[in-house]
Amino acid sequence: MSEKILYLDCSSGISGDMFLAALLDAGLNQKKLVEKISKVLPKNIRIMVRREKRRGFTGKRFQIENVDDKIERGLKGIKKLLKDSGLSKEITRKSLEMFDELAEIEAQIHGIKKENVHFHELGAIDSIADIVGAVAGVKLLGIEKTYSSKVNIGSGTTEIKHGRVPLPVPATTELLKRCGAPIYSTGMETELVTPTGALILKHFVDSFEIPEMRILAIGRGFGAKEFKKSHNFLRVLIGTTQKEWSEEEVLLETNIDNMNPEFYPTIEEKLLSAGALDFYKTPIQMKKGRPGIKISIICTRKDIDKLSEILFRETTTLGIRIQKILRRKLERKIRKVKTEFGEVEVKMAYLNGELVNFSPEYESCKRLAEKTGIPLKMVYEKAKESFILQTSS
């Protein structure tokens, strides 16, 4: 079973309008996207999408025209605009989440309360359209995972309401920090990454690497600026990958021989709660004949820092080994089955659409056993029997 993935080539940076233009060039339905964005725009605003050719390449340009919008919106105003728009709950929730983070960052930078933040350029109607459009566009395309290249950030300074500042501007810099984007500059003295572009990276990119994929569509989204000696477009690749093989994960390992073994259950609980996909311990023989324990954790790349910090704080380790792994994973579904004791969840595993394995969920069986006083092993066996009967009938 395949999943749809998106790859962003940020060699010319990224902005909200470039992102939308690139998605449209790659096949995003223009009518449906415009319909979604228009719900948050005043009636006199027009959305313009046109095909352009620059320096030998074709692509699309996305613009909001006839913008005569002088309102300086704060978080409260933007929340009202979105909640009154009639957009779906999912698009509204994600858009609000993105603006809420922007408000938090602006408040941190300027030393004020979040509710007192005014977004200035980011409160403008075109930026609101970019953010809502990004959320709607990713949903309309059915993207399940997003990847990105390293990000070219440009260089130099720019003028904002608070005066002249170095690039990237403070909000953009903080967002790039939060998403862990690897950055570089070719020395071009201009702003290549806008706050809306950085916000898109923060909220959609799962990993900054080139994925294994089968390319289905290519799109180029032009920015407002045209450069004499280089291109200014965001290239996107839309493709598919096999879910069974698509998850490139990371193995964290460390050897410990000087820690109280009573600490391990607490450490395991913290790691699993923080996103570890698996945790296991292996008895090993260490140097000078000392017995030790090897801790192994499987996680996604984005959780490396968080889980490493837990290991450093909660164990006696001085170092962690990190290596990429590729895990083959069957498609999984959860189904509730009725037993004479009550309902139990059963996990089902599929290979090429065929059910090849199943097992009652331990925590579900445990809860029912505690509730009824029935031994756990009986609940487990009844769940298996009920699943077989209900599946074959």
Protein backbone atom coordinates (compact mmCIF):
# COMPACT_ATOMS: atom_id res chain seq x y z
CA MET A 1 0.00 0.00 0.00
CA SER A 2 1.50 3.35 -1.08
CA GLU A 3 1.42 6.76 0.57
CA LYS A 4 1.48 10.14 -1.13
CA ILE A 5 4.49 12.29 -0.31
CA LEU A 6 5.67 15.80 -1.07
CA TYR A 7 9.27 16.98 -1.47
CA LEU A 8 10.24 20.67 -1.33
CA ASP A 9 13.40 21.85 -3.11
CA CYS A 10 14.23 25.08 -1.25
CA SER A 11 17.35 26.04 -3.21
CA SER A 12 15.70 29.44 -3.83
CA GLY A 13 14.16 29.59 -0.37
CA ILE A 14 10.42 29.38 0.30
CA SER A 15 7.46 31.71 0.76
CA GLY A 16 3.75 31.07 1.15
CA ASP A 17 2.83 32.24 -2.37
CA MET A 18 5.66 30.19 -3.93
CA PHE A 19 4.41 27.11 -2.06
CA LEU A 20 0.84 27.53 -3.35
CA ALA A 21 2.00 28.28 -6.90
CA ALA A 22 4.20 25.16 -6.93
CA LEU A 23 1.36 22.94 -5.69
CA LEU A 24 -0.94 24.35 -8.38
CA ASP A 25 1.71 23.76 -11.06
CA ALA A 26 2.01 20.16 -9.83
CA GLY A 27 -1.71 19.53 -10.32
CA LEU A 28 -3.56 20.93 -7.31
CA ASN A 29 -7.14 21.77 -8.37
CA GLN A 30 -7.16 25.56 -8.73
CA LYS A 31 -10.93 25.96 -8.46
CA LYS A 32 -11.10 24.02 -5.19
CA LEU A 33 -8.13 25.86 -3.66
CA VAL A 34 -9.51 29.29 -4.62
CA GLU A 35 -12.87 28.31 -3.16
CA LYS A 36 -11.25 27.47 0.20
CA ILE A 37 -9.08 30.60 0.35
CA SER A 38 -11.92 32.89 -0.70
CA LYS A 39 -13.80 32.01 2.46
CA VAL A 40 -11.33 34.13 4.49
CA LEU A 41 -10.98 37.01 2.01
CA PRO A 42 -13.01 40.22 1.71
CA LYS A 43 -15.27 40.20 -1.35
CA ASN A 44 -13.24 42.81 -3.26
CA ILE A 45 -10.08 40.69 -3.22
CA ARG A 46 -9.07 38.70 -6.31
CA ILE A 47 -6.87 35.62 -6.48
CA MET A 48 -4.69 35.53 -9.57
CA VAL A 49 -2.93 32.39 -10.81
CA ARG A 50 -1.04 32.56 -14.07
CA ARG A 51 1.56 30.58 -15.94
CA GLU A 52 4.89 32.32 -16.50
CA LYS A 53 8.16 31.63 -18.23
CA ARG A 54 11.38 32.89 -16.63
CA ARG A 55 14.95 32.21 -17.71
CA GLY A 56 13.93 29.16 -19.73
CA PHE A 57 11.60 27.57 -17.15
CA THR A 58 7.81 27.56 -16.95
CA GLY A 59 5.90 27.59 -13.70
CA LYS A 60 3.05 29.33 -11.93
CA ARG A 61 2.68 32.55 -10.00
CA PHE A 62 0.13 32.98 -7.19
CA GLN A 63 -0.98 36.49 -6.20
CA ILE A 64 -3.62 38.26 -4.18
CA GLU A 65 -4.63 41.39 -6.13
CA ASN A 66 -6.49 44.61 -5.30
CA VAL A 67 -5.31 44.41 -1.71
CA ASP A 68 -6.54 47.56 0.03
CA ASP A 69 -6.50 46.08 3.50
CA LYS A 70 -5.05 48.39 6.15
CA ILE A 71 -6.24 46.40 9.18
CA GLU A 72 -3.44 45.45 11.59
CA ARG A 73 -4.78 42.21 13.02
CA GLY A 74 -3.91 40.55 16.28
CA LEU A 75 -4.42 36.91 17.19
CA LYS A 76 -7.97 37.55 18.37
CA GLY A 77 -8.96 39.15 15.07
CA ILE A 78 -7.46 36.37 13.00
CA LYS A 79 -9.18 33.73 15.13
CA LYS A 80 -12.53 35.43 14.52
CA LEU A 81 -11.85 35.71 10.79
CA LEU A 82 -11.11 31.97 10.57
CA LYS A 83 -13.94 30.82 12.82
CA ASP A 84 -16.46 32.87 10.85
CA SER A 85 -15.14 31.68 7.48
CA GLY A 86 -17.15 28.47 7.15
CA LEU A 87 -14.02 26.43 6.46
CA SER A 88 -13.91 22.84 7.69
CA LYS A 89 -12.97 22.24 11.31
CA GLU A 90 -9.74 20.51 10.26
CA ILE A 91 -8.52 23.41 8.09
CA THR A 92 -9.61 25.99 10.69
CA ARG A 93 -7.90 24.11 13.53
CA LYS A 94 -4.59 23.72 11.68
CA SER A 95 -4.58 27.35 10.49
CA LEU A 96 -5.30 28.57 14.03
CA GLU A 97 -2.50 26.36 15.36
CA MET A 98 -0.06 27.98 12.93
CA PHE A 99 -1.08 31.54 13.80
CA ASP A 100 -1.00 30.70 17.50
CA GLU A 101 2.65 29.66 17.18
CA LEU A 102 3.44 32.85 15.28
CA ALA A 103 1.86 34.89 18.08
CA GLU A 104 3.87 32.99 20.67
CA ILE A 105 7.11 33.70 18.75
CA GLU A 106 6.34 37.40 18.24
CA ALA A 107 5.49 37.75 21.94
CA GLN A 108 8.78 36.09 22.89
CA ILE A 109 10.81 38.30 20.52
CA HIS A 110 9.23 41.60 21.59
CA GLY A 111 8.70 40.79 25.28
CA ILE A 112 4.93 41.23 25.31
CA LYS A 113 1.87 39.08 26.04
CA LYS A 114 0.62 36.83 23.25
CA GLU A 115 -2.82 38.44 23.21
CA ASN A 116 -1.18 41.85 22.62
CA VAL A 117 0.71 40.75 19.52
CA HIS A 118 -0.10 42.55 16.25
CA PHE A 119 1.15 40.66 13.24
CA HIS A 120 1.98 43.68 11.01
CA GLU A 121 2.98 42.10 7.67
CA LEU A 122 1.77 38.66 8.79
CA GLY A 123 -1.67 39.99 9.61
CA ALA A 124 -2.09 41.19 6.04
CA ILE A 125 -4.78 39.44 4.05
CA ASP A 126 -2.31 37.90 1.55
CA SER A 127 -0.38 36.18 4.35
CA ILE A 128 -3.60 34.86 5.86
CA ALA A 129 -4.53 33.53 2.43
CA ASP A 130 -1.10 31.86 2.09
CA ILE A 131 -1.42 30.05 5.43
CA VAL A 132 -5.01 28.92 4.92
CA GLY A 133 -4.16 27.96 1.33
CA ALA A 134 -1.18 25.87 2.45
CA VAL A 135 -3.33 23.91 4.90
CA ALA A 136 -6.12 23.43 2.36
CA GLY A 137 -3.71 22.57 -0.48
CA VAL A 138 -1.92 19.80 1.41
CA LYS A 139 -5.28 18.35 2.43
CA LEU A 140 -6.76 18.54 -1.08
CA LEU A 141 -3.74 16.73 -2.53
CA GLY A 142 -3.96 13.99 0.11
CA ILE A 143 -0.31 14.44 1.16
CA GLU A 144 0.60 12.05 3.98
CA LYS A 145 4.23 13.00 4.50
CA THR A 146 6.38 15.99 3.54
CA TYR A 147 10.15 16.22 3.08
CA SER A 148 12.44 19.14 2.32
CA SER A 149 15.94 19.91 1.12
CA LYS A 150 18.36 22.16 2.96
CA VAL A 151 17.04 25.72 2.96
CA ASN A 152 18.76 28.64 1.22
CA ILE A 153 18.07 31.64 3.48
CA GLY A 154 19.73 34.47 1.54
CA SER A 155 21.69 37.19 3.37
CA GLY A 156 21.81 40.89 4.13
CA THR A 157 19.30 43.08 5.97
CA THR A 158 15.73 44.29 5.49
CA GLU A 159 13.46 47.00 6.84
CA ILE A 160 10.51 46.03 9.06
CA LYS A 161 8.23 48.08 11.33
CA HIS A 162 10.74 47.83 14.19
CA GLY A 163 13.66 49.05 12.06
CA ARG A 164 16.39 47.43 9.94
CA VAL A 165 17.18 43.85 10.92
CA PRO A 166 19.47 41.10 9.60
CA LEU A 167 18.02 38.32 7.45
CA PRO A 168 16.31 36.02 8.09
CA VAL A 169 13.97 38.23 10.14
CA PRO A 170 13.54 37.23 13.83
CA ALA A 171 10.28 35.26 13.44
CA THR A 172 11.67 33.33 10.46
CA THR A 173 14.89 32.53 12.33
CA GLU A 174 13.00 31.19 15.34
CA LEU A 175 10.77 29.01 13.15
CA LEU A 176 13.80 27.58 11.32
CA LYS A 177 15.33 26.80 14.69
CA ARG A 178 12.16 25.10 15.95
CA CYS A 179 11.80 22.83 12.93
CA GLY A 180 15.50 21.93 12.85
CA ALA A 181 15.90 23.02 9.23
CA PRO A 182 19.48 22.74 7.90
CA ILE A 183 20.23 26.18 6.42
CA TYR A 184 22.86 27.68 4.10
CA SER A 185 23.36 30.79 1.98
CA THR A 186 24.76 31.28 -1.51
CA GLY A 187 25.53 34.89 -0.56
CA MET A 188 22.62 36.49 -2.43
CA GLU A 189 21.67 39.64 -0.51
CA THR A 190 17.89 39.30 -0.36
CA GLU A 191 15.19 37.65 1.74
CA LEU A 192 14.64 34.12 0.41
CA VAL A 193 12.69 32.65 3.33
CA THR A 194 9.64 34.55 4.58
CA PRO A 195 7.90 33.93 7.91
CA THR A 196 5.00 32.20 6.12
CA GLY A 197 7.48 29.99 4.26
CA ALA A 198 9.26 29.07 7.49
CA LEU A 199 5.89 28.41 9.13
CA ILE A 200 5.03 25.95 6.35
CA LEU A 201 8.34 24.14 6.93
CA LYS A 202 7.67 24.00 10.68
CA HIS A 203 4.16 22.60 10.42
CA PHE A 204 4.37 20.27 7.43
CA VAL A 205 7.91 18.94 6.98
CA ASP A 206 8.54 15.57 8.64
CA SER A 207 12.18 15.28 7.64
CA PHE A 208 14.85 17.34 5.86
CA GLU A 209 16.12 14.77 3.37
CA ILE A 210 15.40 13.39 -0.10
CA PRO A 211 12.95 10.48 0.25
CA GLU A 212 12.85 7.30 -1.79
CA MET A 213 9.89 7.93 -4.05
CA ARG A 214 8.32 7.40 -7.46
CA ILE A 215 7.73 10.88 -8.93
CA LEU A 216 4.20 11.52 -10.19
CA ALA A 217 4.22 15.30 -10.65
CA ILE A 218 6.64 18.26 -10.66
CA GLY A 219 5.69 21.85 -9.92
CA ARG A 220 7.50 25.19 -9.94
CA GLY A 221 6.19 28.18 -8.02
CA PHE A 222 7.74 31.56 -8.89
CA GLY A 223 8.38 34.21 -6.25
CA ALA A 224 7.61 37.91 -6.62
CA LYS A 225 11.27 38.82 -7.21
CA GLU A 226 13.20 38.13 -10.41
CA PHE A 227 16.99 37.77 -10.19
CA LYS A 228 19.45 38.44 -12.99
CA LYS A 229 21.86 35.60 -12.33
CA SER A 230 19.77 32.89 -10.66
CA HIS A 231 16.32 31.37 -10.61
CA ASN A 232 13.68 32.19 -8.02
CA PHE A 233 11.24 29.32 -7.79
CA LEU A 234 10.25 26.65 -5.32
CA ARG A 235 10.27 23.23 -6.94
CA VAL A 236 8.03 20.52 -5.53
CA LEU A 237 7.92 16.82 -6.32
CA ILE A 238 4.80 14.82 -5.58
CA GLY A 239 5.11 11.05 -5.55
CA THR A 240 4.39 7.78 -3.87
CA THR A 241 6.36 5.29 -1.84
CA GLN A 242 5.50 1.86 -0.47
CA LYS A 243 4.27 2.21 3.10
CA GLU A 244 5.76 -1.14 4.06
CA TRP A 245 9.24 0.17 3.30
CA SER A 246 8.82 3.92 3.50
CA GLU A 247 9.56 4.57 7.14
CA GLU A 248 13.22 5.41 7.53
CA GLU A 249 13.78 5.45 11.26
CA VAL A 250 16.66 5.83 13.65
CA LEU A 251 18.24 3.52 16.21
CA LEU A 252 19.64 5.15 19.35
CA GLU A 253 21.89 2.95 21.50
CA THR A 254 23.99 3.35 24.61
CA ASN A 255 25.83 0.94 26.95
CA ILE A 256 25.47 1.37 30.71
CA ASP A 257 27.28 -0.46 33.52
CA ASN A 258 27.02 1.92 36.47
CA MET A 259 23.35 2.68 37.03
CA ASN A 260 20.80 1.47 39.59
CA PRO A 261 18.60 -1.04 37.68
CA GLU A 262 15.54 0.26 39.54
CA PHE A 263 15.68 3.34 37.30
CA TYR A 264 14.98 1.49 34.02
CA PRO A 265 11.14 1.28 34.25
CA THR A 266 10.86 5.05 34.81
CA ILE A 267 13.27 5.78 31.93
CA GLU A 268 11.33 3.45 29.62
CA GLU A 269 8.03 5.14 30.49
CA LYS A 270 9.46 8.61 29.79
CA LEU A 271 10.98 7.56 26.46
CA LEU A 272 7.79 5.89 25.21
CA SER A 273 5.69 8.86 26.32
CA ALA A 274 8.04 11.19 24.43
CA GLY A 275 7.58 9.34 21.11
CA ALA A 276 9.93 6.33 21.13
CA LEU A 277 8.51 3.65 18.81
CA ASP A 278 10.26 0.84 20.67
CA PHE A 279 12.52 0.41 23.69
CA TYR A 280 14.44 -2.69 24.73
CA LYS A 281 17.38 -3.72 26.92
CA THR A 282 20.06 -6.30 26.18
CA PRO A 283 22.48 -7.77 28.77
CA ILE A 284 26.07 -7.29 27.54
CA GLN A 285 29.63 -7.87 28.76
CA MET A 286 31.57 -4.61 28.87
CA LYS A 287 35.25 -3.77 29.28
CA LYS A 288 37.15 -5.07 32.31
CA GLY A 289 34.61 -7.89 32.57
CA ARG A 290 31.82 -5.69 33.91
CA PRO A 291 28.21 -6.75 33.16
CA GLY A 292 26.15 -4.02 31.55
CA ILE A 293 22.91 -3.17 29.77
CA LYS A 294 22.58 -1.94 26.18
CA ILE A 295 19.59 0.40 25.82
CA SER A 296 18.12 0.45 22.30
CA ILE A 297 15.47 2.92 21.12
CA ILE A 298 13.77 3.07 17.73
CA CYS A 299 12.40 6.50 16.85
CA THR A 300 11.79 8.93 13.99
CA ARG A 301 14.42 11.50 13.03
CA LYS A 302 12.43 14.42 14.43
CA ASP A 303 12.47 12.87 17.93
CA ILE A 304 16.24 12.30 18.13
CA ASP A 305 17.01 15.44 20.17
CA LYS A 306 14.09 14.99 22.54
CA LEU A 307 14.86 11.34 23.30
CA SER A 308 18.62 11.94 23.51
CA GLU A 309 18.01 14.60 26.13
CA ILE A 310 15.98 12.14 28.23
CA LEU A 311 18.80 9.59 28.03
CA PHE A 312 21.42 12.14 29.05
CA ARG A 313 19.34 13.47 31.94
CA GLU A 314 17.90 10.22 33.25
CA THR A 315 20.77 7.74 32.78
CA THR A 316 24.50 7.75 33.51
CA THR A 317 25.49 7.55 29.85
CA LEU A 318 28.08 9.94 28.38
CA GLY A 319 27.34 9.21 24.73
CA ILE A 320 24.75 7.80 22.31
CA ARG A 321 25.24 5.94 19.02
CA ILE A 322 22.83 6.96 16.22
CA GLN A 323 22.24 5.08 12.98
CA LYS A 324 19.58 5.07 10.27
CA ILE A 325 17.47 1.95 9.88
CA LEU A 326 14.80 0.95 7.37
CA ARG A 327 11.88 -0.90 8.90
CA ARG A 328 9.34 -2.94 6.94
CA LYS A 329 5.93 -2.44 8.47
CA LEU A 330 2.61 -4.08 7.69
CA GLU A 331 -0.52 -1.97 7.33
CA ARG A 332 -2.39 -2.04 10.63
CA LYS A 333 -6.00 -1.55 11.66
CA ILE A 334 -7.80 -1.70 15.00
CA ARG A 335 -11.18 -3.36 15.35
CA LYS A 336 -13.43 -3.76 18.37
CA VAL A 337 -14.88 -7.23 18.99
CA LYS A 338 -17.60 -8.22 21.43
CA THR A 339 -16.92 -10.95 23.98
CA GLU A 340 -19.10 -12.29 26.79
CA PHE A 341 -17.08 -10.06 29.15
CA GLY A 342 -17.29 -6.86 27.08
CA GLU A 343 -15.63 -5.18 24.08
CA VAL A 344 -11.93 -5.65 23.34
CA GLU A 345 -9.73 -3.99 20.71
CA VAL A 346 -7.91 -6.31 18.30
CA LYS A 347 -4.95 -5.22 16.15
CA MET A 348 -5.00 -6.57 12.58
CA ALA A 349 -2.00 -6.68 10.20
CA TYR A 350 -2.31 -6.76 6.38
CA LEU A 351 0.13 -7.72 3.62
CA ASN A 352 -0.96 -6.54 0.16
CA GLY A 353 -4.51 -6.20 1.45
CA GLU A 354 -4.60 -9.70 2.98
CA LEU A 355 -5.06 -10.23 6.72
CA VAL A 356 -1.97 -12.16 7.83
CA ASN A 357 -1.92 -11.61 11.60
CA PHE A 358 -3.98 -10.36 14.51
CA SER A 359 -3.70 -10.04 18.27
CA PRO A 360 -5.88 -8.64 21.07
CA GLU A 361 -4.52 -5.32 22.39
CA TYR A 362 -2.93 -5.91 25.79
CA GLU A 363 -4.04 -2.63 27.39
CA SER A 364 -7.63 -3.15 26.19
CA CYS A 365 -7.68 -6.68 27.66
CA LYS A 366 -6.11 -5.43 30.89
CA ARG A 367 -8.74 -2.71 31.36
CA LEU A 368 -11.56 -5.19 30.84
CA ALA A 369 -9.95 -7.74 33.18
CA GLU A 370 -9.61 -5.11 35.92
CA LYS A 371 -13.18 -3.92 35.40
CA THR A 372 -14.77 -7.40 35.50
CA GLY A 373 -12.37 -9.29 37.80
CA ILE A 374 -11.91 -11.94 35.07
CA PRO A 375 -8.32 -13.25 34.72
CA LEU A 376 -6.41 -11.43 31.98
CA LYS A 377 -5.51 -14.66 30.15
CA MET A 378 -9.22 -15.57 29.86
CA VAL A 379 -10.13 -12.16 28.46
CA TYR A 380 -7.28 -12.47 25.96
CA GLU A 381 -8.32 -15.94 24.77
CA LYS A 382 -12.00 -14.97 24.49
CA ALA A 383 -11.01 -11.97 22.40
CA LYS A 384 -9.12 -14.24 19.99
CA GLU A 385 -12.04 -16.68 19.76
CA SER A 386 -14.57 -13.88 19.22
CA PHE A 387 -12.44 -12.27 16.52
CA ILE A 388 -12.12 -15.56 14.59
CA LEU A 389 -15.86 -16.23 14.85
CA GLN A 390 -16.88 -12.71 13.84
CA THR A 391 -14.37 -12.61 10.96
CA SER A 392 -15.39 -15.97 9.49
CA SER A 393 -19.15 -15.41 9.82
